[in-house]
Amino acid sequence: MRKADLCLLFGSHRSAVARVQVTVRLWRDGLVGRVLVTGGEYTALGQLEAHEMCEALVAGGVPGRHVILETCADQYGRKCEVLS
C-alpha cells in the first residue's frame, strides 16, 4: 500500500471512535502524512466534532502539527456525493 499525503476524517452524527482508531492505525503504519478533520456540529460534550476528534488523534499518537482542522463543515459527505 502506498502512503497518502492526506487522510480525510469527516464529522458525523454517529460516534467517531472507530474512524479515529482507523486513522491512528494508518498514521502509526506510516500510511498517512496529514489528517484533515472536519466537523462543525457540536457533540454531546459541547465541543465541535473536529476538536473532539483532533484531541483523540493526538491522544492516539498523531502529532497535532499534522492535523488540519476544518470546523465550519456542514454535511460534507452529502456535498461530496453531489460533486462525484
Protein backbone atom coordinates (compact mmCIF):
# COMPACT_ATOMS: atom_id res chain seq x y z
CA MET A 1 0.00 0.00 0.00
CA ARG A 2 1.29 3.49 -0.86
CA LYS A 3 1.45 6.38 1.58
CA ALA A 4 -1.25 9.03 1.20
CA ASP A 5 -0.38 12.70 1.67
CA LEU A 6 -3.74 13.41 3.29
CA CYS A 7 -6.43 11.44 5.10
CA LEU A 8 -9.92 12.95 5.37
CA LEU A 9 -11.69 12.33 8.67
CA PHE A 10 -15.28 13.52 8.35
CA GLY A 11 -17.51 14.51 11.23
CA SER A 12 -20.77 12.64 11.63
CA HIS A 13 -23.78 12.35 13.88
CA ARG A 14 -22.51 8.86 14.66
CA SER A 15 -19.68 8.11 17.04
CA ALA A 16 -16.23 8.89 15.66
CA VAL A 17 -14.41 6.34 17.82
CA ALA A 18 -13.94 3.70 15.10
CA ARG A 19 -12.98 6.26 12.44
CA VAL A 20 -10.43 7.85 14.75
CA GLN A 21 -8.97 4.43 15.65
CA VAL A 22 -8.52 3.53 11.99
CA THR A 23 -6.90 6.90 11.28
CA VAL A 24 -4.48 6.47 14.20
CA ARG A 25 -3.60 2.99 12.90
CA LEU A 26 -2.94 4.41 9.41
CA TRP A 27 -0.69 7.06 10.96
CA ARG A 28 1.23 4.54 13.06
CA ASP A 29 1.71 2.33 10.00
CA GLY A 30 3.20 5.28 8.11
CA LEU A 31 0.40 5.34 5.53
CA VAL A 32 -0.80 8.90 6.18
CA GLY A 33 1.15 12.17 6.14
CA ARG A 34 -1.52 14.56 7.44
CA VAL A 35 -5.12 14.33 8.59
CA LEU A 36 -7.84 16.81 7.64
CA VAL A 37 -10.53 16.66 10.32
CA THR A 38 -13.93 18.17 9.54
CA GLY A 39 -16.89 18.72 11.79
CA GLY A 40 -18.78 21.88 12.62
CA GLU A 41 -21.51 20.25 14.69
CA TYR A 42 -21.42 20.28 18.48
CA THR A 43 -21.12 16.94 20.28
CA ALA A 44 -22.86 15.83 23.45
CA LEU A 45 -19.85 17.20 25.35
CA GLY A 46 -20.50 20.68 23.92
CA GLN A 47 -17.39 20.60 21.79
CA LEU A 48 -17.06 20.83 18.00
CA GLU A 49 -16.69 17.43 16.33
CA ALA A 50 -13.41 18.41 14.69
CA HIS A 51 -11.89 19.47 18.02
CA GLU A 52 -13.03 16.30 19.75
CA MET A 53 -11.61 14.07 17.00
CA CYS A 54 -8.35 16.06 16.95
CA GLU A 55 -7.90 15.51 20.67
CA ALA A 56 -8.48 11.77 20.20
CA LEU A 57 -5.97 11.63 17.32
CA VAL A 58 -3.32 13.42 19.39
CA ALA A 59 -4.03 11.14 22.36
CA GLY A 60 -3.50 8.21 19.97
CA GLY A 61 -0.09 9.49 18.92
CA VAL A 62 -0.74 11.66 15.85
CA PRO A 63 1.25 14.90 16.28
CA GLY A 64 -1.04 17.92 16.41
CA ARG A 65 1.06 19.70 13.79
CA HIS A 66 -0.02 17.01 11.31
CA VAL A 67 -3.74 17.58 11.91
CA ILE A 68 -5.64 20.21 9.92
CA LEU A 69 -8.94 21.37 11.43
CA GLU A 70 -11.95 22.45 9.39
CA THR A 71 -14.65 23.47 11.89
CA CYS A 72 -17.22 25.06 9.57
CA ALA A 73 -18.15 21.81 7.82
CA ASP A 74 -21.82 21.03 7.36
CA GLN A 75 -22.78 17.74 5.70
CA TYR A 76 -19.52 17.34 3.77
CA GLY A 77 -20.32 13.74 2.86
CA ARG A 78 -23.52 14.74 1.14
CA LYS A 79 -21.75 17.55 -0.71
CA CYS A 80 -19.04 15.16 -1.91
CA GLU A 81 -21.68 12.76 -3.25
CA VAL A 82 -23.20 15.58 -5.29
CA LEU A 83 -19.81 16.52 -6.75
CA SER A 84 -18.90 12.97 -7.80
